[in-house]
PDB file of N, CA and C in Angstrom:
ATOM      1  N   UNK A   1     -25.526   8.677  17.497  1.00  0.00           N
ATOM      2  CA  UNK A   1     -26.529   7.727  16.729  1.00  0.00           C
ATOM      3  C   UNK A   1     -25.594   7.107  15.589  1.00  0.00           C
ATOM      4  N   UNK A   2     -24.817   7.627  15.024  1.00  0.00           N
ATOM      5  CA  UNK A   2     -24.083   7.189  13.914  1.00  0.00           C
ATOM      6  C   UNK A   2     -23.036   6.155  14.514  1.00  0.00           C
ATOM      7  N   UNK A   3     -22.324   6.566  15.655  1.00  0.00           N
ATOM      8  CA  UNK A   3     -21.461   5.594  16.105  1.00  0.00           C
ATOM      9  C   UNK A   3     -22.199   4.462  16.685  1.00  0.00           C
ATOM     10  N   UNK A   4     -23.319   4.409  17.280  1.00  0.00           N
ATOM     11  CA  UNK A   4     -24.200   3.475  17.647  1.00  0.00           C
ATOM     12  C   UNK A   4     -24.484   2.353  16.479  1.00  0.00           C
ATOM     13  N   UNK A   5     -24.713   2.989  15.347  1.00  0.00           N
ATOM     14  CA  UNK A   5     -25.138   2.150  14.091  1.00  0.00           C
ATOM     15  C   UNK A   5     -23.775   1.472  13.755  1.00  0.00           C
ATOM     16  N   UNK A   6     -22.674   2.312  13.809  1.00  0.00           N
ATOM     17  CA  UNK A   6     -21.299   1.539  13.490  1.00  0.00           C
ATOM     18  C   UNK A   6     -21.223   0.361  14.529  1.00  0.00           C
ATOM     19  N   UNK A   7     -21.457   0.493  15.697  1.00  0.00           N
ATOM     20  CA  UNK A   7     -21.154  -0.539  16.521  1.00  0.00           C
ATOM     21  C   UNK A   7     -22.194  -2.033  16.283  1.00  0.00           C
ATOM     22  N   UNK A   8     -23.156  -1.742  15.884  1.00  0.00           N
ATOM     23  CA  UNK A   8     -24.332  -2.497  15.397  1.00  0.00           C
ATOM     24  C   UNK A   8     -23.949  -3.164  13.974  1.00  0.00           C
ATOM     25  N   UNK A   9     -23.295  -2.344  13.127  1.00  0.00           N
ATOM     26  CA  UNK A   9     -22.892  -2.879  11.746  1.00  0.00           C
ATOM     27  C   UNK A   9     -21.722  -3.800  12.216  1.00  0.00           C
ATOM     28  N   UNK A  10     -20.669  -3.429  12.951  1.00  0.00           N
ATOM     29  CA  UNK A  10     -19.444  -4.243  13.230  1.00  0.00           C
ATOM     30  C   UNK A  10     -19.786  -5.381  13.987  1.00  0.00           C
ATOM     31  N   UNK A  11     -20.793  -5.463  14.573  1.00  0.00           N
ATOM     32  CA  UNK A  11     -21.364  -6.619  15.640  1.00  0.00           C
ATOM     33  C   UNK A  11     -22.017  -7.814  14.607  1.00  0.00           C
ATOM     34  N   UNK A  12     -22.522  -7.132  13.391  1.00  0.00           N
ATOM     35  CA  UNK A  12     -23.385  -8.190  12.595  1.00  0.00           C
ATOM     36  C   UNK A  12     -24.671  -8.151  12.930  1.00  0.00           C
ATOM     37  N   UNK A  13     -25.158  -6.897  13.596  1.00  0.00           N
ATOM     38  CA  UNK A  13     -26.695  -7.107  13.853  1.00  0.00           C
ATOM     39  C   UNK A  13     -27.369  -6.886  12.477  1.00  0.00           C
ATOM     40  N   UNK A  14     -28.358  -7.450  12.444  1.00  0.00           N
ATOM     41  CA  UNK A  14     -29.343  -7.305  11.148  1.00  0.00           C
ATOM     42  C   UNK A  14     -30.732  -7.059  11.546  1.00  0.00           C
ATOM     43  N   UNK A  15     -31.475  -6.874  12.555  1.00  0.00           N
ATOM     44  CA  UNK A  15     -32.706  -7.183  12.912  1.00  0.00           C
ATOM     45  C   UNK A  15     -32.947  -5.732  13.781  1.00  0.00           C
ATOM     46  N   UNK A  16     -34.114  -5.362  13.952  1.00  0.00           N
ATOM     47  CA  UNK A  16     -34.557  -4.181  14.802  1.00  0.00           C
ATOM     48  C   UNK A  16     -34.286  -4.616  16.257  1.00  0.00           C
ATOM     49  N   UNK A  17     -34.260  -5.753  16.752  1.00  0.00           N
ATOM     50  CA  UNK A  17     -34.145  -6.127  18.170  1.00  0.00           C
ATOM     51  C   UNK A  17     -32.664  -5.680  18.603  1.00  0.00           C
ATOM     52  N   UNK A  18     -32.031  -5.777  17.640  1.00  0.00           N
ATOM     53  CA  UNK A  18     -30.389  -5.081  17.992  1.00  0.00           C
ATOM     54  C   UNK A  18     -30.613  -3.635  18.346  1.00  0.00           C
ATOM     55  N   UNK A  19     -31.501  -2.850  17.611  1.00  0.00           N
ATOM     56  CA  UNK A  19     -31.736  -1.436  18.096  1.00  0.00           C
ATOM     57  C   UNK A  19     -32.440  -1.471  19.480  1.00  0.00           C
ATOM     58  N   UNK A  20     -33.186  -2.261  19.715  1.00  0.00           N
ATOM     59  CA  UNK A  20     -33.756  -2.118  20.811  1.00  0.00           C
ATOM     60  C   UNK A  20     -32.936  -2.802  22.148  1.00  0.00           C
ATOM     61  N   UNK A  21     -32.161  -3.502  21.880  1.00  0.00           N
ATOM     62  CA  UNK A  21     -31.214  -3.766  23.018  1.00  0.00           C
ATOM     63  C   UNK A  21     -30.067  -2.637  23.094  1.00  0.00           C
ATOM     64  N   UNK A  22     -29.614  -2.144  21.889  1.00  0.00           N
ATOM     65  CA  UNK A  22     -28.841  -0.848  22.114  1.00  0.00           C
ATOM     66  C   UNK A  22     -29.354   0.236  22.919  1.00  0.00           C
ATOM     67  N   UNK A  23     -30.780   0.916  22.484  1.00  0.00           N
ATOM     68  CA  UNK A  23     -31.503   1.459  23.213  1.00  0.00           C
ATOM     69  C   UNK A  23     -31.538   1.475  24.666  1.00  0.00           C
ATOM     70  N   UNK A  24     -31.666  -0.006  24.976  1.00  0.00           N
ATOM     71  CA  UNK A  24     -31.712  -0.266  26.669  1.00  0.00           C
ATOM     72  C   UNK A  24     -30.645  -0.010  27.166  1.00  0.00           C
ATOM     73  N   UNK A  25     -29.339  -0.495  26.604  1.00  0.00           N
ATOM     74  CA  UNK A  25     -27.982  -0.132  27.086  1.00  0.00           C
ATOM     75  C   UNK A  25     -27.667   1.393  27.352  1.00  0.00           C
ATOM     76  N   UNK A  26     -27.939   1.977  26.179  1.00  0.00           N
ATOM     77  CA  UNK A  26     -27.821   3.457  26.380  1.00  0.00           C
ATOM     78  C   UNK A  26     -28.637   3.860  27.410  1.00  0.00           C
ATOM     79  N   UNK A  27     -29.635   3.541  27.627  1.00  0.00           N
ATOM     80  CA  UNK A  27     -30.849   4.003  28.810  1.00  0.00           C
ATOM     81  C   UNK A  27     -29.934   3.718  30.216  1.00  0.00           C
ATOM     82  N   UNK A  28     -29.809   2.419  30.066  1.00  0.00           N
ATOM     83  CA  UNK A  28     -28.820   2.055  31.544  1.00  0.00           C
ATOM     84  C   UNK A  28     -27.674   2.885  31.740  1.00  0.00           C
ATOM     85  N   UNK A  29     -26.750   3.137  30.572  1.00  0.00           N
ATOM     86  CA  UNK A  29     -25.831   3.959  30.711  1.00  0.00           C
ATOM     87  C   UNK A  29     -25.921   5.372  31.141  1.00  0.00           C
ATOM     88  N   UNK A  30     -26.910   5.961  30.469  1.00  0.00           N
ATOM     89  CA  UNK A  30     -27.441   7.307  30.867  1.00  0.00           C
ATOM     90  C   UNK A  30     -27.567   7.511  32.300  1.00  0.00           C
ATOM     91  N   UNK A  31     -28.571   6.513  32.873  1.00  0.00           N
ATOM     92  CA  UNK A  31     -28.963   6.339  34.209  1.00  0.00           C
ATOM     93  C   UNK A  31     -27.982   6.055  35.300  1.00  0.00           C
ATOM     94  N   UNK A  32     -26.997   5.097  35.080  1.00  0.00           N
ATOM     95  CA  UNK A  32     -26.129   4.635  36.055  1.00  0.00           C
ATOM     96  C   UNK A  32     -24.713   5.081  35.876  1.00  0.00           C
ATOM     97  N   UNK A  33     -24.347   5.342  34.619  1.00  0.00           N
ATOM     98  CA  UNK A  33     -22.740   5.550  34.608  1.00  0.00           C
ATOM     99  C   UNK A  33     -22.536   6.857  34.160  1.00  0.00           C
ATOM    100  N   UNK A  34     -23.383   7.850  33.914  1.00  0.00           N
ATOM    101  CA  UNK A  34     -23.237   9.047  33.357  1.00  0.00           C
ATOM    102  C   UNK A  34     -22.319   9.985  34.269  1.00  0.00           C
ATOM    103  N   UNK A  35     -22.783   9.856  35.670  1.00  0.00           N
ATOM    104  CA  UNK A  35     -21.962  10.676  36.733  1.00  0.00           C
ATOM    105  C   UNK A  35     -20.325  10.448  36.513  1.00  0.00           C
ATOM    106  N   UNK A  36     -20.061   9.108  36.000  1.00  0.00           N
ATOM    107  CA  UNK A  36     -18.627   8.875  35.825  1.00  0.00           C
ATOM    108  C   UNK A  36     -18.014   9.508  34.587  1.00  0.00           C
ATOM    109  N   UNK A  37     -18.804   9.783  33.583  1.00  0.00           N
ATOM    110  CA  UNK A  37     -18.332  10.548  32.555  1.00  0.00           C
ATOM    111  C   UNK A  37     -18.024  12.006  32.663  1.00  0.00           C
ATOM    112  N   UNK A  38     -18.577  12.528  33.992  1.00  0.00           N
ATOM    113  CA  UNK A  38     -18.254  13.851  34.218  1.00  0.00           C
ATOM    114  C   UNK A  38     -16.657  14.094  34.402  1.00  0.00           C
ATOM    115  N   UNK A  39     -16.101  12.974  35.156  1.00  0.00           N
ATOM    116  CA  UNK A  39     -14.509  13.097  35.063  1.00  0.00           C
ATOM    117  C   UNK A  39     -13.650  12.579  34.106  1.00  0.00           C
ATOM    118  N   UNK A  40     -14.345  12.253  32.865  1.00  0.00           N
ATOM    119  CA  UNK A  40     -13.715  11.547  32.007  1.00  0.00           C
ATOM    120  C   UNK A  40     -13.276  12.731  30.941  1.00  0.00           C
ATOM    121  N   UNK A  41     -12.101  12.919  30.479  1.00  0.00           N
ATOM    122  CA  UNK A  41     -11.506  14.074  29.489  1.00  0.00           C
ATOM    123  C   UNK A  41     -12.421  13.752  28.300  1.00  0.00           C
ATOM    124  N   UNK A  42     -12.897  15.047  27.778  1.00  0.00           N
ATOM    125  CA  UNK A  42     -13.513  15.079  26.391  1.00  0.00           C
ATOM    126  C   UNK A  42     -12.793  14.186  25.255  1.00  0.00           C
ATOM    127  N   UNK A  43     -11.157  14.303  25.476  1.00  0.00           N
ATOM    128  CA  UNK A  43     -10.445  13.577  24.439  1.00  0.00           C
ATOM    129  C   UNK A  43     -10.639  12.077  24.388  1.00  0.00           C
ATOM    130  N   UNK A  44     -10.997  11.692  25.377  1.00  0.00           N
ATOM    131  CA  UNK A  44     -11.054  10.103  25.833  1.00  0.00           C
ATOM    132  C   UNK A  44     -12.483   9.747  25.224  1.00  0.00           C
ATOM    133  N   UNK A  45     -13.503  10.575  25.412  1.00  0.00           N
ATOM    134  CA  UNK A  45     -14.759  10.309  25.032  1.00  0.00           C
ATOM    135  C   UNK A  45     -14.888  10.254  23.544  1.00  0.00           C
ATOM    136  N   UNK A  46     -14.144  11.263  22.748  1.00  0.00           N
ATOM    137  CA  UNK A  46     -13.921  11.416  21.429  1.00  0.00           C
ATOM    138  C   UNK A  46     -13.269  10.246  20.979  1.00  0.00           C
ATOM    139  N   UNK A  47     -12.138   9.723  21.447  1.00  0.00           N
ATOM    140  CA  UNK A  47     -11.387   8.615  20.968  1.00  0.00           C
ATOM    141  C   UNK A  47     -12.225   7.409  20.949  1.00  0.00           C
ATOM    142  N   UNK A  48     -12.901   7.215  21.888  1.00  0.00           N
ATOM    143  CA  UNK A  48     -14.123   6.036  21.947  1.00  0.00           C
ATOM    144  C   UNK A  48     -15.139   6.179  20.732  1.00  0.00           C
ATOM    145  N   UNK A  49     -15.624   7.237  20.457  1.00  0.00           N
ATOM    146  CA  UNK A  49     -16.556   7.265  19.328  1.00  0.00           C
ATOM    147  C   UNK A  49     -15.833   7.242  18.049  1.00  0.00           C
ATOM    148  N   UNK A  50     -14.727   7.771  18.053  1.00  0.00           N
ATOM    149  CA  UNK A  50     -13.646   7.551  16.594  1.00  0.00           C
ATOM    150  C   UNK A  50     -13.259   6.294  16.678  1.00  0.00           C
ATOM    151  N   UNK A  51     -13.099   5.384  17.475  1.00  0.00           N
ATOM    152  CA  UNK A  51     -12.640   4.174  17.219  1.00  0.00           C
ATOM    153  C   UNK A  51     -13.895   3.272  16.997  1.00  0.00           C
ATOM    154  N   UNK A  52     -15.164   3.679  17.118  1.00  0.00           N
ATOM    155  CA  UNK A  52     -16.173   2.882  16.687  1.00  0.00           C
ATOM    156  C   UNK A  52     -16.611   3.403  15.339  1.00  0.00           C
ATOM    157  N   UNK A  53     -16.241   4.477  14.831  1.00  0.00           N
ATOM    158  CA  UNK A  53     -16.731   4.768  13.487  1.00  0.00           C
ATOM    159  C   UNK A  53     -15.742   4.796  12.297  1.00  0.00           C
ATOM    160  N   UNK A  54     -14.118   4.294  12.743  1.00  0.00           N
ATOM    161  CA  UNK A  54     -13.393   4.384  11.956  1.00  0.00           C
ATOM    162  C   UNK A  54     -13.604   3.095  10.924  1.00  0.00           C
ATOM    163  N   UNK A  55     -14.219   2.066  11.427  1.00  0.00           N
ATOM    164  CA  UNK A  55     -14.389   0.814  10.419  1.00  0.00           C
ATOM    165  C   UNK A  55     -15.521   1.060   9.549  1.00  0.00           C
ATOM    166  N   UNK A  56     -16.289   2.351   9.497  1.00  0.00           N
ATOM    167  CA  UNK A  56     -17.161   2.557   8.473  1.00  0.00           C
ATOM    168  C   UNK A  56     -16.526   3.423   7.153  1.00  0.00           C
ATOM    169  N   UNK A  57     -15.344   3.580   7.272  1.00  0.00           N
ATOM    170  CA  UNK A  57     -14.504   4.334   5.974  1.00  0.00           C
ATOM    171  C   UNK A  57     -14.303   2.987   5.336  1.00  0.00           C
ATOM    172  N   UNK A  58     -14.761   3.279   3.801  1.00  0.00           N
ATOM    173  CA  UNK A  58     -14.535   2.264   2.725  1.00  0.00           C
ATOM    174  C   UNK A  58     -13.474   2.742   1.846  1.00  0.00           C
ATOM    175  N   UNK A  59     -12.051   2.241   2.259  1.00  0.00           N
ATOM    176  CA  UNK A  59     -10.954   2.725   1.568  1.00  0.00           C
ATOM    177  C   UNK A  59     -10.877   2.351  -0.009  1.00  0.00           C
ATOM    178  N   UNK A  60     -11.466   0.880  -0.277  1.00  0.00           N
ATOM    179  CA  UNK A  60     -11.727   0.229  -1.564  1.00  0.00           C
ATOM    180  C   UNK A  60     -12.392   1.253  -2.360  1.00  0.00           C
ATOM    181  N   UNK A  61     -13.589   1.857  -1.995  1.00  0.00           N
ATOM    182  CA  UNK A  61     -14.363   2.587  -2.565  1.00  0.00           C
ATOM    183  C   UNK A  61     -13.465   3.727  -2.999  1.00  0.00           C
ATOM    184  N   UNK A  62     -12.790   4.637  -2.207  1.00  0.00           N
ATOM    185  CA  UNK A  62     -12.102   5.537  -2.352  1.00  0.00           C
ATOM    186  C   UNK A  62     -10.991   5.370  -3.414  1.00  0.00           C
ATOM    187  N   UNK A  63     -10.511   4.231  -3.442  1.00  0.00           N
ATOM    188  CA  UNK A  63      -9.268   3.666  -4.557  1.00  0.00           C
ATOM    189  C   UNK A  63      -9.946   3.459  -5.653  1.00  0.00           C
ATOM    190  N   UNK A  64     -11.289   3.135  -5.762  1.00  0.00           N
ATOM    191  CA  UNK A  64     -11.815   2.794  -7.068  1.00  0.00           C
ATOM    192  C   UNK A  64     -12.163   4.019  -7.775  1.00  0.00           C
ATOM    193  N   UNK A  65     -12.553   5.066  -6.936  1.00  0.00           N
ATOM    194  CA  UNK A  65     -12.796   6.440  -7.417  1.00  0.00           C
ATOM    195  C   UNK A  65     -11.576   7.016  -8.049  1.00  0.00           C
ATOM    196  N   UNK A  66     -10.506   6.781  -7.325  1.00  0.00           N
ATOM    197  CA  UNK A  66      -9.167   7.220  -7.623  1.00  0.00           C
ATOM    198  C   UNK A  66      -8.874   6.651  -8.975  1.00  0.00           C
ATOM    199  N   UNK A  67      -9.102   5.538  -9.224  1.00  0.00           N
ATOM    200  CA  UNK A  67      -8.726   4.845 -10.653  1.00  0.00           C
ATOM    201  C   UNK A  67      -9.580   5.345 -11.766  1.00  0.00           C
ATOM    202  N   UNK A  68     -11.199   5.445 -11.440  1.00  0.00           N
ATOM    203  CA  UNK A  68     -11.856   5.860 -12.529  1.00  0.00           C
ATOM    204  C   UNK A  68     -11.564   7.346 -12.903  1.00  0.00           C
ATOM    205  N   UNK A  69     -11.737   8.249 -11.894  1.00  0.00           N
ATOM    206  CA  UNK A  69     -11.837   9.684 -12.080  1.00  0.00           C
ATOM    207  C   UNK A  69     -11.077  10.440 -11.134  1.00  0.00           C
ATOM    208  N   UNK A  70      -9.848  10.956 -11.305  1.00  0.00           N
ATOM    209  CA  UNK A  70      -9.205  11.923 -10.498  1.00  0.00           C
ATOM    210  C   UNK A  70      -9.874  12.996  -9.664  1.00  0.00           C
ATOM    211  N   UNK A  71     -10.713  13.554 -10.495  1.00  0.00           N
ATOM    212  CA  UNK A  71     -11.484  14.601  -9.881  1.00  0.00           C
ATOM    213  C   UNK A  71     -12.603  14.443  -8.856  1.00  0.00           C
ATOM    214  N   UNK A  72     -13.230  13.295  -9.350  1.00  0.00           N
ATOM    215  CA  UNK A  72     -14.123  12.811  -8.383  1.00  0.00           C
ATOM    216  C   UNK A  72     -13.463  12.511  -7.122  1.00  0.00           C
ATOM    217  N   UNK A  73     -12.252  11.945  -6.983  1.00  0.00           N
ATOM    218  CA  UNK A  73     -11.419  11.640  -5.930  1.00  0.00           C
ATOM    219  C   UNK A  73     -11.020  12.731  -5.133  1.00  0.00           C
ATOM    220  N   UNK A  74     -10.790  13.941  -5.786  1.00  0.00           N
ATOM    221  CA  UNK A  74     -10.489  15.158  -5.162  1.00  0.00           C
ATOM    222  C   UNK A  74     -11.720  15.584  -4.262  1.00  0.00           C
ATOM    223  N   UNK A  75     -12.823  15.547  -5.195  1.00  0.00           N
ATOM    224  CA  UNK A  75     -14.053  15.948  -4.496  1.00  0.00           C
ATOM    225  C   UNK A  75     -14.320  15.079  -3.259  1.00  0.00           C
ATOM    226  N   UNK A  76     -14.236  13.802  -3.197  1.00  0.00           N
ATOM    227  CA  UNK A  76     -14.392  12.833  -2.087  1.00  0.00           C
ATOM    228  C   UNK A  76     -13.475  13.217  -1.001  1.00  0.00           C
ATOM    229  N   UNK A  77     -12.123  13.509  -1.376  1.00  0.00           N
ATOM    230  CA  UNK A  77     -11.288  13.710  -0.287  1.00  0.00           C
ATOM    231  C   UNK A  77     -11.615  15.156   0.429  1.00  0.00           C
ATOM    232  N   UNK A  78     -11.861  15.991  -0.477  1.00  0.00           N
ATOM    233  CA  UNK A  78     -12.247  17.339   0.071  1.00  0.00           C
ATOM    234  C   UNK A  78     -13.607  17.346   0.989  1.00  0.00           C
ATOM    235  N   UNK A  79     -14.566  16.462   0.497  1.00  0.00           N
ATOM    236  CA  UNK A  79     -15.856  16.183   1.530  1.00  0.00           C
ATOM    237  C   UNK A  79     -15.221  15.712   2.678  1.00  0.00           C
ATOM    238  N   UNK A  80     -14.522  14.612   2.580  1.00  0.00           N
ATOM    239  CA  UNK A  80     -13.980  13.974   3.817  1.00  0.00           C
ATOM    240  C   UNK A  80     -13.311  14.648   4.765  1.00  0.00           C
ATOM    241  N   UNK A  81     -12.298  15.581   4.334  1.00  0.00           N
ATOM    242  CA  UNK A  81     -11.470  16.265   5.174  1.00  0.00           C
ATOM    243  C   UNK A  81     -12.158  17.325   5.623  1.00  0.00           C
ATOM    244  N   UNK A  82     -13.235  18.101   4.843  1.00  0.00           N
ATOM    245  CA  UNK A  82     -14.142  19.244   5.414  1.00  0.00           C
ATOM    246  C   UNK A  82     -14.892  18.625   6.694  1.00  0.00           C
ATOM    247  N   UNK A  83     -15.567  17.489   6.411  1.00  0.00           N
ATOM    248  CA  UNK A  83     -16.341  16.882   7.464  1.00  0.00           C
ATOM    249  C   UNK A  83     -15.555  16.694   8.694  1.00  0.00           C
ATOM    250  N   UNK A  84     -14.365  16.064   8.500  1.00  0.00           N
ATOM    251  CA  UNK A  84     -13.567  15.706   9.412  1.00  0.00           C
ATOM    252  C   UNK A  84     -13.012  16.928  10.327  1.00  0.00           C
ATOM    253  N   UNK A  85     -12.406  17.874   9.749  1.00  0.00           N
ATOM    254  CA  UNK A  85     -12.078  18.993  10.458  1.00  0.00           C
ATOM    255  C   UNK A  85     -12.905  20.167  10.675  1.00  0.00           C
ATOM    256  N   UNK A  86     -14.025  20.189   9.960  1.00  0.00           N
ATOM    257  CA  UNK A  86     -15.040  21.397  10.195  1.00  0.00           C
ATOM    258  C   UNK A  86     -16.198  20.781  10.585  1.00  0.00           C
ATOM    259  N   UNK A  87     -17.358  20.608   9.582  1.00  0.00           N
ATOM    260  CA  UNK A  87     -18.609  20.343   9.843  1.00  0.00           C
ATOM    261  C   UNK A  87     -19.024  19.573   8.549  1.00  0.00           C
ATOM    262  N   UNK A  88     -20.399  18.845   8.822  1.00  0.00           N
ATOM    263  CA  UNK A  88     -20.875  18.193   7.545  1.00  0.00           C
ATOM    264  C   UNK A  88     -21.416  19.167   6.715  1.00  0.00           C
ATOM    265  N   UNK A  89     -21.636  20.278   6.896  1.00  0.00           N
ATOM    266  CA  UNK A  89     -22.130  21.414   6.149  1.00  0.00           C
ATOM    267  C   UNK A  89     -20.982  21.893   5.146  1.00  0.00           C
ATOM    268  N   UNK A  90     -19.940  22.168   6.102  1.00  0.00           N
ATOM    269  CA  UNK A  90     -18.748  22.567   5.108  1.00  0.00           C
ATOM    270  C   UNK A  90     -18.026  21.464   4.412  1.00  0.00           C
ATOM    271  N   UNK A  91     -17.857  20.422   4.855  1.00  0.00           N
ATOM    272  CA  UNK A  91     -17.625  19.361   3.878  1.00  0.00           C
ATOM    273  C   UNK A  91     -18.317  18.950   2.543  1.00  0.00           C
ATOM    274  N   UNK A  92     -19.606  19.419   2.553  1.00  0.00           N
ATOM    275  CA  UNK A  92     -20.312  19.297   1.411  1.00  0.00           C
ATOM    276  C   UNK A  92     -20.448  20.429   0.524  1.00  0.00           C
ATOM    277  N   UNK A  93     -19.894  21.597   1.240  1.00  0.00           N
ATOM    278  CA  UNK A  93     -19.760  22.776   0.424  1.00  0.00           C
ATOM    279  C   UNK A  93     -18.436  22.751  -0.236  1.00  0.00           C
ATOM    280  N   UNK A  94     -17.386  21.878   0.283  1.00  0.00           N
ATOM    281  CA  UNK A  94     -15.997  21.858  -0.287  1.00  0.00           C
ATOM    282  C   UNK A  94     -16.139  20.885  -1.526  1.00  0.00           C
ATOM    283  N   UNK A  95     -16.905  19.951  -1.370  1.00  0.00           N
ATOM    284  CA  UNK A  95     -17.067  19.046  -2.476  1.00  0.00           C
ATOM    285  C   UNK A  95     -17.904  19.538  -3.628  1.00  0.00           C
TER     286      UNK A  95
END
């Protein structure tokens, strides 16, 4: 879901119709192309999702937090790394 929202955002979609089109495409993919994903390595699927989500990271906001308060930046970085390498719950606990 998050990666689909990322794709919509990067494509400049602003209406609910884009979500309907995306749902239709996902439905077609599930019905027609899913058997091909059985032979695709998980690392490839993870790379596809990661490439769609990378554009959502706001480096300027992190830089602004660094300039304003170093401890807030450490909390931000801890949350980011915790979510990246463990889970969302662990990332929030670290922050």
